[in-house]
Protein backbone atom coordinates (compact mmCIF):
# COMPACT_ATOMS: atom_id res chain seq x y z
CA MET A 1 -58.57 62.29 1.05
CA VAL A 2 -57.48 60.18 -1.98
CA TYR A 3 -55.98 63.21 -3.49
CA MET A 4 -53.78 63.74 -0.28
CA LYS A 5 -52.63 60.08 -0.38
CA LYS A 6 -51.54 60.41 -3.82
CA LEU A 7 -49.85 63.56 -3.15
CA LYS A 8 -47.91 61.97 -0.19
CA SER A 9 -46.82 58.97 -2.27
CA THR A 10 -45.53 61.24 -4.90
CA ARG A 11 -43.55 63.30 -2.34
CA VAL A 12 -42.01 60.07 -1.11
CA TYR A 13 -41.17 58.80 -4.49
CA LEU A 14 -39.64 62.42 -5.43
CA LEU A 15 -37.55 62.29 -2.05
CA LEU A 16 -36.27 58.76 -2.79
CA ILE A 17 -35.20 60.07 -6.29
CA ALA A 18 -33.50 62.92 -4.67
CA ILE A 19 -31.63 60.84 -2.21
CA LEU A 20 -30.41 58.52 -5.08
CA GLY A 21 -29.25 61.49 -7.04
CA VAL A 22 -27.17 62.77 -4.11
CA LEU A 23 -25.64 59.10 -3.64
CA ALA A 24 -24.59 59.25 -7.26
CA VAL A 25 -23.26 62.71 -7.24
CA ALA A 26 -21.20 61.64 -4.07
CA GLY A 27 -19.75 58.74 -6.01
CA CYS A 28 -21.55 56.24 -3.92
CA VAL A 29 -22.56 52.86 -5.67
CA LEU A 30 -25.24 50.75 -4.69
CA PRO A 31 -24.72 46.91 -5.17
CA ALA A 32 -26.83 45.31 -7.83
CA THR A 33 -29.29 42.76 -6.90
CA GLY A 34 -27.33 39.60 -6.73
CA ALA A 35 -24.02 41.36 -6.85
CA ASP A 36 -21.17 39.42 -5.17
CA VAL A 37 -20.25 41.27 -1.89
CA ILE A 38 -18.64 38.33 -0.06
CA ALA A 39 -15.07 38.70 1.00
CA PRO A 40 -12.79 35.91 -0.04
CA THR A 41 -10.83 33.88 2.46
CA VAL A 42 -7.85 31.83 2.46
CA ASP A 43 -8.85 28.10 2.67
CA LEU A 44 -5.68 26.20 2.43
CA VAL A 45 -2.05 26.75 2.62
CA SER A 46 1.21 24.78 2.10
CA PRO A 47 3.32 24.35 4.03
CA ALA A 48 0.68 23.89 6.73
CA ASN A 49 0.43 26.49 9.31
CA LEU A 50 2.75 25.67 12.16
CA ALA A 51 4.34 22.87 10.19
CA ALA A 52 7.74 21.86 11.84
CA SER A 53 9.35 20.10 9.10
CA ALA A 54 9.12 22.04 5.89
CA VAL A 55 11.67 21.18 3.10
CA ILE A 56 13.88 23.73 2.08
CA ASN A 57 13.20 23.73 -1.64
CA THR A 58 9.43 24.05 -1.46
CA LYS A 59 7.13 26.75 -2.94
CA LEU A 60 4.34 28.27 -0.99
CA VAL A 61 0.78 28.05 -1.90
CA ALA A 62 -2.37 29.71 -0.78
CA THR A 63 -5.73 28.52 -2.06
CA PHE A 64 -8.69 31.13 -1.88
CA SER A 65 -12.45 30.37 -1.52
CA GLU A 66 -13.18 31.64 -4.93
CA ALA A 67 -11.48 33.00 -8.08
CA MET A 68 -9.30 36.01 -7.49
CA ASP A 69 -8.30 38.97 -9.60
CA PRO A 70 -4.82 37.89 -10.95
CA ALA A 71 -3.70 41.56 -11.11
CA THR A 72 -3.97 41.72 -7.33
CA ILE A 73 -1.96 38.51 -6.81
CA SER A 74 1.57 39.99 -6.55
CA THR A 75 4.83 40.21 -4.36
CA THR A 76 3.31 43.37 -2.83
CA ASN A 77 0.30 41.29 -1.44
CA PHE A 78 1.98 37.97 -0.93
CA THR A 79 5.22 38.10 1.13
CA VAL A 80 7.46 35.66 2.90
CA ALA A 81 10.03 36.57 5.64
CA HIS A 82 12.20 35.18 8.24
CA GLY A 83 12.14 37.43 11.10
CA SER A 84 12.50 41.00 9.44
CA THR A 85 14.20 39.57 6.48
CA ALA A 86 12.07 39.54 3.46
CA VAL A 87 12.53 36.43 1.03
CA PRO A 88 12.93 37.35 -2.55
CA GLY A 89 10.63 35.36 -5.11
CA VAL A 90 8.04 35.45 -7.79
CA VAL A 91 4.31 35.15 -7.29
CA SER A 92 1.91 33.48 -9.65
CA TYR A 93 -1.65 32.66 -9.82
CA ALA A 94 -3.75 29.75 -11.45
CA GLY A 95 -7.30 28.45 -10.65
CA THR A 96 -7.74 29.67 -7.24
CA SER A 97 -4.28 29.43 -5.79
CA ALA A 98 -1.47 31.92 -5.55
CA THR A 99 2.02 30.50 -5.41
CA PHE A 100 5.13 32.19 -4.05
CA THR A 101 8.38 30.69 -5.62
CA PRO A 102 11.42 31.71 -3.57
CA THR A 103 14.62 32.77 -5.70
CA SER A 104 16.68 30.41 -3.76
CA VAL A 105 16.09 27.47 -1.21
CA LEU A 106 14.99 28.43 2.19
CA LEU A 107 17.36 28.41 5.16
CA GLY A 108 17.34 25.20 7.18
CA GLY A 109 16.00 25.03 10.78
CA THR A 110 14.42 28.40 10.44
CA PRO A 111 10.97 29.72 11.28
CA TYR A 112 9.02 31.59 8.39
CA THR A 113 6.03 33.68 8.19
CA ALA A 114 3.93 34.15 4.96
CA THR A 115 1.42 36.93 4.58
CA ILE A 116 -1.52 37.53 2.38
CA THR A 117 -2.63 41.12 2.73
CA THR A 118 -6.07 42.86 2.12
CA GLY A 119 -4.56 44.19 -1.13
CA VAL A 120 -5.77 40.72 -2.87
CA LYS A 121 -9.32 40.85 -4.27
CA ASP A 122 -11.70 38.49 -5.93
CA VAL A 123 -13.00 39.02 -9.43
CA ALA A 124 -15.89 41.22 -8.29
CA GLY A 125 -13.30 43.70 -6.43
CA ASN A 126 -14.03 42.43 -2.96
CA ALA A 127 -10.92 42.43 -0.74
CA MET A 128 -10.25 40.05 2.15
CA ALA A 129 -11.74 41.09 5.53
CA SER A 130 -8.36 40.91 6.98
CA SER A 131 -4.81 39.88 6.27
CA TYR A 132 -3.96 36.36 6.50
CA ALA A 133 -0.63 35.03 7.92
CA TRP A 134 0.72 31.66 8.69
CA SER A 135 4.13 30.33 9.94
CA PHE A 136 6.19 27.20 9.48
CA THR A 137 9.64 25.98 10.25
CA THR A 138 12.07 24.38 7.90
CA THR A 139 14.14 21.32 8.22
CA THR A 140 17.68 21.04 6.48
CA ASN A 141 16.14 18.65 3.98
CA LEU A 142 15.56 18.87 0.28
CA ASP A 143 12.63 17.13 -1.25
CA ILE A 144 13.88 14.84 -3.87
CA THR A 145 10.93 12.18 -3.73
CA LYS A 146 8.77 12.07 -7.03
CA PRO A 147 5.10 12.33 -6.66
CA THR A 148 2.82 9.45 -7.52
CA VAL A 149 -0.76 9.11 -8.53
CA GLY A 150 -3.49 7.12 -6.85
CA SER A 151 -7.31 7.32 -6.10
CA PRO A 152 -8.50 7.90 -9.47
CA LEU A 153 -12.14 8.31 -10.16
CA PRO A 154 -13.83 6.77 -11.97
CA LEU A 155 -11.65 3.76 -10.95
CA PRO A 156 -9.33 1.91 -13.32
CA ALA A 157 -11.25 -0.35 -15.59
CA ALA A 158 -14.68 0.83 -14.21
CA VAL A 159 -17.59 0.03 -16.29
CA ALA A 160 -21.04 1.53 -16.45
CA VAL A 161 -19.70 4.92 -15.54
CA ALA A 162 -22.44 7.61 -15.69
CA VAL A 163 -21.92 9.94 -18.91
CA ASN A 164 -21.96 12.97 -16.80
CA ALA A 165 -19.15 11.83 -14.51
CA HIS A 166 -16.12 14.05 -13.71
CA VAL A 167 -12.61 12.67 -13.60
CA SER A 168 -10.33 13.22 -10.75
CA VAL A 169 -7.22 11.98 -9.17
CA ILE A 170 -5.37 12.32 -5.66
CA PHE A 171 -1.70 12.63 -5.68
CA SER A 172 0.70 11.36 -3.02
CA GLU A 173 1.48 15.05 -1.99
CA VAL A 174 0.52 18.66 -2.54
CA MET A 175 1.28 19.53 -6.32
CA ASP A 176 2.30 22.73 -7.91
CA PRO A 177 -0.94 24.37 -9.38
CA LEU A 178 0.91 25.93 -12.22
CA THR A 179 1.37 22.48 -13.61
CA MET A 180 -2.10 21.11 -13.26
CA THR A 181 -3.35 22.18 -16.72
CA THR A 182 -5.20 20.46 -19.74
CA ALA A 183 -1.59 20.12 -21.36
CA ASN A 184 -0.71 17.72 -18.51
CA PHE A 185 -4.05 15.80 -18.18
CA THR A 186 -5.96 14.68 -21.01
CA LEU A 187 -9.05 12.60 -21.62
CA LYS A 188 -9.55 10.84 -24.86
CA GLN A 189 -12.24 8.49 -26.57
CA GLY A 190 -9.90 6.66 -28.90
CA THR A 191 -7.56 9.34 -30.32
CA THR A 192 -10.21 11.97 -30.04
CA ALA A 193 -9.52 14.47 -27.10
CA VAL A 194 -12.28 15.48 -24.85
CA THR A 195 -12.63 19.09 -24.12
CA GLY A 196 -12.98 20.28 -20.57
CA THR A 197 -11.37 22.23 -17.77
CA VAL A 198 -8.89 21.24 -15.19
CA ALA A 199 -8.93 22.52 -11.56
CA SER A 200 -6.78 21.58 -8.51
CA VAL A 201 -6.44 22.21 -4.83
CA GLY A 202 -3.70 20.81 -2.68
CA ASN A 203 -3.00 17.23 -3.89
CA THR A 204 -6.25 16.80 -5.95
CA LEU A 205 -6.99 17.50 -9.60
CA THR A 206 -10.53 17.39 -11.42
CA PHE A 207 -11.24 17.28 -14.89
CA THR A 208 -14.72 18.59 -15.84
CA PRO A 209 -15.66 17.54 -19.46
CA ALA A 210 -17.52 20.38 -21.51
CA ALA A 211 -20.33 17.92 -22.26
CA ASN A 212 -21.43 14.61 -21.41
CA LEU A 213 -19.30 11.68 -22.45
CA GLY A 214 -20.57 9.29 -25.12
CA ASN A 215 -22.78 6.25 -24.38
CA SER A 216 -20.88 2.74 -23.77
CA LEU A 217 -17.48 4.02 -24.80
CA VAL A 218 -13.99 3.40 -23.58
CA TYR A 219 -12.14 6.46 -22.54
CA THR A 220 -8.46 7.11 -21.46
CA ALA A 221 -7.24 9.54 -18.85
CA THR A 222 -3.54 10.35 -18.86
CA ILE A 223 -1.43 12.49 -16.53
CA THR A 224 1.82 13.41 -17.98
CA THR A 225 5.22 13.84 -16.39
CA GLY A 226 4.61 17.44 -16.76
CA VAL A 227 2.94 17.71 -13.36
CA LYS A 228 5.22 18.59 -10.56
CA ASP A 229 5.21 18.80 -6.60
CA LEU A 230 6.09 22.11 -4.89
CA ALA A 231 9.64 21.17 -4.88
CA GLY A 232 9.72 20.89 -8.77
CA ASN A 233 9.88 16.90 -8.67
CA ALA A 234 7.98 15.41 -11.75
CA MET A 235 6.45 12.03 -11.66
CA ALA A 236 8.78 9.23 -12.67
CA THR A 237 6.40 8.16 -15.61
CA ALA A 238 3.24 9.10 -17.06
CA TYR A 239 0.14 7.51 -15.58
CA ALA A 240 -2.83 6.36 -17.59
CA TRP A 241 -6.13 4.52 -16.84
CA THR A 242 -9.37 3.64 -18.77
CA PHE A 243 -12.96 3.30 -17.96
CA THR A 244 -16.24 2.57 -19.91
CA THR A 245 -19.35 4.66 -19.93
CA SER A 246 -22.93 3.39 -19.70
CA ALA A 247 -25.87 5.16 -21.19
CA LEU A 248 -26.90 6.56 -17.95
CA ILE A 249 -26.85 9.90 -16.49
CA ASP A 250 -26.30 10.03 -12.85
CA ILE A 251 -29.02 12.25 -11.28
CA ILE A 252 -29.01 10.66 -7.68
CA ALA A 253 -27.87 13.01 -4.94
CA PRO A 254 -25.35 11.80 -2.43
CA THR A 255 -26.27 11.66 1.19
CA VAL A 256 -24.38 11.62 4.54
CA THR A 257 -24.62 7.80 5.92
CA LEU A 258 -22.42 8.35 9.03
CA LYS A 259 -21.86 11.21 11.20
CA VAL A 260 -19.27 11.40 14.00
CA PRO A 261 -20.11 12.61 16.75
CA ALA A 262 -23.55 11.37 16.08
CA SER A 263 -26.35 13.70 15.68
CA GLY A 264 -27.53 14.52 19.45
CA ALA A 265 -24.36 13.17 20.90
CA VAL A 266 -23.35 14.41 24.40
CA THR A 267 -20.12 14.33 26.33
CA VAL A 268 -18.05 14.67 23.13
CA ASP A 269 -14.40 15.05 23.81
CA ARG A 270 -13.40 18.76 23.45
CA ASN A 271 -10.40 17.74 21.22
CA ALA A 272 -12.40 15.66 18.81
CA ASN A 273 -12.59 15.71 15.14
CA VAL A 274 -15.78 15.59 13.21
CA THR A 275 -16.38 13.31 10.27
CA ALA A 276 -19.05 12.65 7.66
CA THR A 277 -19.16 9.49 5.44
CA PHE A 278 -21.16 9.81 2.26
CA SER A 279 -22.94 7.41 0.35
CA GLU A 280 -20.81 7.44 -2.73
CA ALA A 281 -17.47 8.98 -3.89
CA MET A 282 -17.53 12.84 -3.88
CA ALA A 283 -15.77 15.49 -6.09
CA PRO A 284 -12.77 16.06 -3.94
CA LEU A 285 -12.50 19.82 -4.81
CA THR A 286 -15.95 20.36 -3.43
CA ILE A 287 -14.96 19.04 0.08
CA ASN A 288 -13.33 21.81 1.93
CA THR A 289 -13.72 24.43 4.71
CA THR A 290 -16.40 26.32 2.79
CA THR A 291 -18.84 23.24 2.21
CA PHE A 292 -18.10 21.45 5.61
CA THR A 293 -18.20 23.73 8.52
CA LEU A 294 -18.26 23.79 12.29
CA LYS A 295 -20.03 26.56 14.31
CA GLN A 296 -20.88 27.39 17.97
CA GLY A 297 -23.83 29.51 17.59
CA THR A 298 -23.09 31.72 14.77
CA THR A 299 -19.42 31.74 15.41
CA PRO A 300 -17.42 29.44 12.97
CA VAL A 301 -14.65 27.10 14.27
CA THR A 302 -11.52 27.50 12.39
CA GLY A 303 -9.85 24.26 11.05
CA THR A 304 -9.00 22.04 8.33
CA VAL A 305 -10.76 19.60 6.11
CA ILE A 306 -9.46 16.22 4.81
CA TYR A 307 -11.03 13.96 2.21
CA ALA A 308 -10.22 10.37 1.67
CA GLY A 309 -12.20 7.38 0.43
CA THR A 310 -15.83 8.54 0.90
CA THR A 311 -15.13 10.20 4.43
CA ALA A 312 -14.40 14.07 5.18
CA THR A 313 -12.91 14.90 8.48
CA PHE A 314 -13.10 18.44 9.91
CA ASN A 315 -10.01 18.93 12.19
CA PRO A 316 -10.60 21.92 14.35
CA ALA A 317 -7.69 24.25 15.09
CA ILE A 318 -8.74 24.81 18.84
CA VAL A 319 -10.00 22.99 21.65
CA LEU A 320 -13.72 23.21 21.67
CA ALA A 321 -15.55 24.92 24.80
CA GLY A 322 -17.01 22.59 27.37
CA SER A 323 -20.74 21.89 27.66
CA THR A 324 -21.32 23.60 24.41
CA VAL A 325 -23.57 22.77 21.56
CA TYR A 326 -21.79 22.62 18.24
CA THR A 327 -23.40 22.52 14.77
CA ALA A 328 -21.82 20.71 11.85
CA THR A 329 -23.04 21.44 8.20
CA ILE A 330 -22.36 20.01 4.85
CA SER A 331 -23.49 22.45 2.37
CA THR A 332 -25.04 21.98 -1.07
CA GLY A 333 -21.55 22.93 -2.44
CA ALA A 334 -20.44 19.34 -1.77
CA LYS A 335 -21.00 17.25 -4.85
CA ASP A 336 -20.52 13.90 -6.09
CA ILE A 337 -18.36 13.09 -9.20
CA ALA A 338 -21.25 13.54 -11.55
CA GLY A 339 -22.06 17.03 -10.09
CA ASN A 340 -24.99 16.14 -8.12
CA ALA A 341 -25.27 18.28 -4.95
CA ILE A 342 -25.92 16.98 -1.55
CA ALA A 343 -28.97 18.38 0.25
CA LEU A 344 -28.08 20.68 3.05
CA THR A 345 -27.02 18.49 6.00
CA THR A 346 -26.75 19.74 9.73
CA TRP A 347 -26.30 18.02 12.98
CA ASN A 348 -25.54 18.99 16.50
CA PHE A 349 -23.59 17.57 19.34
CA THR A 350 -22.76 18.75 22.86
CA THR A 351 -19.15 18.60 24.13
CA THR A 352 -18.35 17.17 27.62
CA ALA A 353 -18.07 19.66 30.62
CA ALA A 354 -14.57 21.18 31.04
CA GLY A 355 -12.85 19.59 33.78
CA ILE A 356 -9.99 20.66 36.21
CA GLY A 357 -6.57 21.14 34.81
CA PRO A 358 -5.38 22.61 31.38
CA ALA A 359 -7.25 22.18 28.23
CA PRO A 360 -6.49 18.95 26.40
CA VAL A 361 -3.84 18.80 23.71
CA LEU A 362 -5.10 18.82 20.14
CA LEU A 363 -4.00 15.52 18.67
CA GLY A 364 -5.89 16.35 15.18
CA THR A 365 -5.50 13.29 12.97
CA ALA A 366 -2.58 11.88 14.76
CA GLY A 367 -5.25 10.77 17.33
CA ASN A 368 -6.43 8.25 14.78
CA PHE A 369 -3.09 6.07 15.64
CA ALA A 370 -2.16 3.92 18.64
CA THR A 371 1.43 4.29 17.44
CA LEU A 372 2.74 6.82 15.01
CA ALA A 373 6.36 7.54 14.02
CA LYS A 374 8.45 9.29 11.24
CA SER A 375 11.51 6.96 10.76
CA ALA A 376 10.51 3.30 12.09
CA ILE A 377 8.27 1.08 13.81
CA THR A 378 9.94 -2.14 14.94
CA ASN A 379 8.73 -5.26 16.66
CA ALA A 380 11.24 -7.35 18.25
CA THR A 381 9.61 -10.74 18.13
CA LEU A 382 7.14 -11.66 15.42
CA GLY A 383 3.76 -12.11 16.69
CA ALA A 384 4.64 -11.19 20.29
CA SER A 385 3.17 -7.52 20.34
CA LEU A 386 -0.28 -6.34 19.93
CA ILE A 387 -1.52 -2.93 18.98
CA THR A 388 -5.22 -2.16 19.21
CA GLY A 389 -5.72 0.48 16.93
CA ASN A 390 -3.94 1.88 13.66
CA ILE A 391 -0.27 2.29 13.25
CA GLY A 392 1.34 4.78 10.76
CA LEU A 393 4.81 5.75 9.47
CA SER A 394 5.94 8.83 7.55
CA PRO A 395 7.92 9.89 5.60
CA ALA A 396 9.80 6.53 6.02
CA ALA A 397 8.39 3.64 3.89
CA GLU A 398 6.48 0.47 4.75
CA SER A 399 9.96 -1.47 4.59
CA TYR A 400 10.73 0.38 7.78
CA ILE A 401 7.96 -1.17 9.68
CA ALA A 402 9.69 -4.37 10.78
CA GLY A 403 8.90 -7.32 12.72
CA PHE A 404 5.20 -7.46 11.56
CA ALA A 405 3.57 -10.16 9.21
CA LEU A 406 2.38 -7.62 6.62
CA THR A 407 -0.15 -8.24 3.98
CA ASP A 408 -0.59 -5.42 1.45
CA ALA A 409 -3.89 -3.86 0.32
CA THR A 410 -4.56 -0.86 -1.67
CA GLY A 411 -3.46 2.14 0.56
CA TYR A 412 -2.79 0.21 3.79
CA ALA A 413 -1.56 -3.08 5.07
CA THR A 414 -2.80 -5.61 7.63
CA THR A 415 -1.26 -8.03 10.24
CA PRO A 416 -2.47 -10.16 13.05
CA GLU A 417 -0.38 -7.71 15.53
CA VAL A 418 -2.52 -4.60 14.68
CA THR A 419 -6.24 -4.83 15.05
CA LEU A 420 -6.90 -2.06 12.45
CA LYS A 421 -4.68 -1.07 9.65
CA VAL A 422 -1.04 -0.15 9.13
CA PHE A 423 -0.22 2.89 7.07
CA ALA A 424 2.96 4.10 5.43
CA ALA A 425 4.15 7.02 3.31
CA ASP A 426 4.74 4.82 0.22
CA GLN A 427 1.41 3.23 0.04
CA ALA A 428 -1.25 4.10 -2.58
CA PRO A 429 -2.81 7.56 -2.44
CA PRO A 430 -4.34 9.22 -0.68
CA THR A 431 -2.54 7.42 2.13
CA PRO A 432 0.78 9.42 1.66
CA ALA A 433 -1.04 12.84 1.86
CA ASN A 434 -3.11 11.61 4.85
CA MET A 435 0.21 10.49 6.65
CA THR A 436 1.77 13.70 6.10
CA ALA A 437 -1.13 15.46 7.71
CA ALA A 438 -1.09 13.01 10.63
CA ILE A 439 2.77 13.72 11.31
CA SER A 440 2.17 17.35 11.10
CA ASP A 441 -0.62 17.12 13.62
CA MET A 442 1.69 15.02 15.84
CA GLU A 443 4.21 17.87 15.54
CA LEU A 444 1.81 20.32 16.42
CA ALA A 445 0.59 18.55 19.45
CA TYR A 446 4.23 18.16 20.68
CA THR A 447 4.65 21.83 20.20
CA ASP A 448 1.27 22.57 21.94
CA ALA A 449 2.00 20.40 24.94
CA ALA A 450 5.64 21.65 25.38
CA GLY A 451 4.47 25.44 25.01
CA ARG A 452 2.01 25.26 28.07
CA VAL A 453 2.87 27.85 30.48
CA THR A 454 2.10 28.58 34.26
CA PRO A 455 2.65 25.13 35.67
CA ASP A 456 0.80 24.06 38.65
CA TYR A 457 3.84 21.74 39.79
CA ILE A 458 7.49 22.40 39.26
CA ASN A 459 10.24 19.75 39.38
CA LEU A 460 8.11 17.47 41.55
CA GLY A 461 10.33 14.88 43.42
CA SER A 462 13.33 16.54 41.69
CA GLY A 463 12.62 14.31 38.71
CA THR A 464 11.85 11.14 40.64
CA ILE A 465 8.35 10.04 41.41
CA GLY A 466 6.98 6.64 42.83
CA ALA A 467 5.49 5.01 45.65
CA SER A 468 6.11 7.99 47.93
CA THR A 469 4.72 10.37 45.40
CA PRO A 470 1.10 11.76 46.45
CA ALA A 471 -1.66 10.95 43.91
CA LEU A 472 -1.20 13.26 40.98
CA ALA A 473 -4.03 15.86 40.80
CA PRO A 474 -5.08 17.33 37.50
CA GLY A 475 -2.70 20.16 36.18
CA LEU A 476 0.41 21.10 34.47
CA TYR A 477 3.56 19.44 35.76
CA THR A 478 7.04 20.60 34.53
CA TRP A 479 10.37 19.41 34.86
CA GLY A 480 13.73 20.89 33.81
CA SER A 481 15.35 17.47 33.65
CA SER A 482 14.65 13.76 32.90
CA VAL A 483 11.84 11.90 34.99
CA ASN A 484 12.47 8.71 36.55
CA MET A 485 9.16 6.70 37.51
CA THR A 486 10.91 4.52 40.08
CA GLY A 487 7.40 2.98 41.66
CA ASN A 488 3.76 2.75 41.40
CA ILE A 489 1.91 6.06 41.02
CA THR A 490 -1.66 7.10 41.14
CA ILE A 491 -3.52 9.63 38.85
CA ASN A 492 -6.55 10.74 40.42
CA GLY A 493 -9.32 12.83 38.92
CA SER A 494 -12.63 13.14 37.28
CA ALA A 495 -13.63 11.96 33.83
CA ASN A 496 -12.92 15.31 32.21
CA ASP A 497 -10.00 16.43 34.09
CA VAL A 498 -6.56 16.81 32.22
CA TRP A 499 -2.85 16.33 32.98
CA ILE A 500 0.16 17.45 31.04
CA PHE A 501 3.56 16.18 32.25
CA GLN A 502 6.32 18.33 30.63
CA MET A 503 9.98 17.12 30.81
CA SER A 504 12.97 18.50 29.13
CA GLY A 505 14.82 15.12 29.26
CA ASP A 506 14.14 11.58 29.14
CA PHE A 507 11.16 9.67 30.62
CA LEU A 508 12.13 6.34 32.35
CA VAL A 509 9.67 4.05 33.75
CA ASP A 510 11.25 1.15 35.77
CA ASN A 511 10.42 -2.51 35.44
CA ALA A 512 6.94 -3.56 36.63
CA VAL A 513 6.02 -0.16 37.69
CA ILE A 514 2.26 0.50 37.27
CA VAL A 515 0.30 3.81 36.74
CA THR A 516 -3.19 3.54 38.33
CA LEU A 517 -6.09 5.65 37.40
CA ALA A 518 -8.43 6.69 40.21
CA GLY A 519 -11.69 8.86 40.56
CA GLY A 520 -12.74 8.30 37.03
CA ALA A 521 -9.69 9.61 35.41
CA GLN A 522 -9.04 8.72 31.80
CA ALA A 523 -6.13 7.94 29.90
CA LYS A 524 -7.21 9.95 26.84
CA ASN A 525 -6.88 13.09 29.03
CA ILE A 526 -3.06 12.39 30.09
CA PHE A 527 -0.12 13.81 28.02
CA TRP A 528 3.40 12.94 28.52
CA GLN A 529 5.60 15.42 26.71
CA VAL A 530 9.18 14.09 26.49
CA ALA A 531 11.96 16.04 24.78
CA GLY A 532 14.11 13.06 24.91
CA GLN A 533 13.64 9.21 24.74
CA ALA A 534 10.57 7.58 26.61
CA THR A 535 11.44 4.13 27.59
CA LEU A 536 8.64 1.86 29.66
CA GLY A 537 10.47 -0.90 31.36
CA GLY A 538 9.43 -4.58 31.09
CA THR A 539 5.91 -5.49 32.40
CA SER A 540 5.15 -1.74 33.34
CA ALA A 541 1.79 -0.46 32.89
CA VAL A 542 1.57 3.19 31.80
CA LYS A 543 -1.66 5.25 31.05
CA GLY A 544 -1.67 8.31 28.54
CA ASN A 545 -0.59 9.77 25.29
CA ILE A 546 3.26 9.90 24.84
CA LEU A 547 4.49 12.57 22.83
CA SER A 548 8.37 12.24 22.48
CA GLN A 549 10.50 14.42 20.18
CA THR A 550 12.69 11.53 19.73
CA GLY A 551 11.87 7.77 20.29
CA ILE A 552 9.62 5.63 22.46
CA THR A 553 10.65 2.02 23.58
CA LEU A 554 8.40 -0.45 25.22
CA GLN A 555 10.39 -3.34 26.78
CA THR A 556 9.21 -6.73 27.22
CA GLY A 557 5.71 -7.16 28.52
CA ALA A 558 5.13 -3.33 28.81
CA THR A 559 1.79 -2.04 28.22
CA LEU A 560 0.44 1.35 27.30
CA LEU A 561 -3.11 2.42 27.54
CA GLY A 562 -2.75 5.52 25.32
CA ARG A 563 -0.85 6.44 22.26
CA ALA A 564 2.98 6.18 21.41
CA LEU A 565 3.54 9.36 19.08
CA ALA A 566 7.35 9.66 18.32
CA GLN A 567 9.20 12.03 15.98
CA THR A 568 11.81 9.25 15.44
CA GLN A 569 10.91 5.65 15.93
CA VAL A 570 8.79 3.42 18.24
CA ALA A 571 10.43 0.17 19.39
CA LEU A 572 8.25 -2.74 20.69
CA GLN A 573 9.70 -5.78 22.56
CA SER A 574 6.71 -8.06 23.01
CA ALA A 575 4.57 -5.13 24.21
CA PHE A 576 1.07 -3.93 24.11
CA VAL A 577 -0.52 -0.50 22.89
CA THR A 578 -4.21 0.10 23.24
CA THR A 579 -5.76 3.35 22.02
CA PRO A 580 -7.94 4.87 24.85
């Protein structure tokens, strides 16, 4: 019996050898234990997908999830076109980013599509699972704004810095990865250069020393004018700062101190962002869509990740499903500036039930603002308006926020007329990059609202609504004209129902007109998409988010329970805006 068992074992072994031999002859290769078989992905692109105001002298950048084989990064596998017309250009590769440099400036007011094919491969030879394409539309503007430096870590003049700290900096805009090199970023102790490596993604650069720094020494970090943005603009002057080390090695792992939505939260808005606040400053390059993910079961949710201060924000690219459990995860790939990895952190939350009407409009980071504009925010009478929430302006500078008693701080300002903070494009980084993202999200939200089809109501009241208009039920309303609200109206529905009002002209609300919510309807679920100018008459009271392709004016005593999101300016005349 023992002999028979041995004979069977020998036959199995010989059979296995024979199978392996056949596979070898056939040219099949079995992956070695631990071999990289994971397909690379595109994690970040610039201009952003669906961006509506890309400058015409920009380069295009795609950042991958891992190091790629440079030989596969070419004009064959990275193409740009408008319609069926290919854009001539040159493709280069540095770090984990591929850059397409057009031969000449792009056409103004033109939609473009960029494509990365499956011909690109990582250094292990793995191709992307599928091609990646994104689209954007240009303005007629040239980018001539010089980038600036801010948010350096360690902080300028910091003391007792751990000797194993990395050095990082966030710029005011996305930078050209080809210029982010050790020639343009140096770290010195006295006149002695510290050896190390430079890596960059988007607007962030990180220098990793080859060895721990010395104990209790002063170091100087310098960024030269050799670094440039994607339009080729160099910094106006070099930027340098110093810090002093301690004798300590940082071995304390970071933690997540605040989760939004909270773990176990229910009735979470379907168009909500997900944020994680850390116990300390994190290495910015480690906070991305690979290390911060959102899933429904095993299905990943697509989106973008923004890191500022000590908070990471995951901005879903889709409206989340109703009454559904989602899992947010921060992986061990997220690290602090000393390289300490966070423990795997996961939490669940449940979305609110889907209501009647269309899916809510995705506001993204634009939803963080009560008032957001591109060219100006004005207050006619100092101290007479009140905004409950944040206000933001970009690409215009803080000086175009007029009529407010502003007190400047690092990266923001405050004023008694705004309960939270005032942000503008020319403030210290990372505010400029965050404002660019918010404006892009506002434009995407407008495009989303304007692009909804299959309306439930068409040209209601021939463009005039008021006291004789029946209560407005949830749904999609569209007008091929301006809309004049001449009398009080009621919006009636449950807490999860959604209303989208599309109008191809202006939105005019007469003086003293009041919008009343009934049945549990909520202002956050109401969206007024206005192709023209939105004007809220004196002492009127409107509910909902106004997305205007031009400007928004709130006349004397007008109130808005919602958001004023304008692609030109917001003008307040002793008015009140409250974030819902």
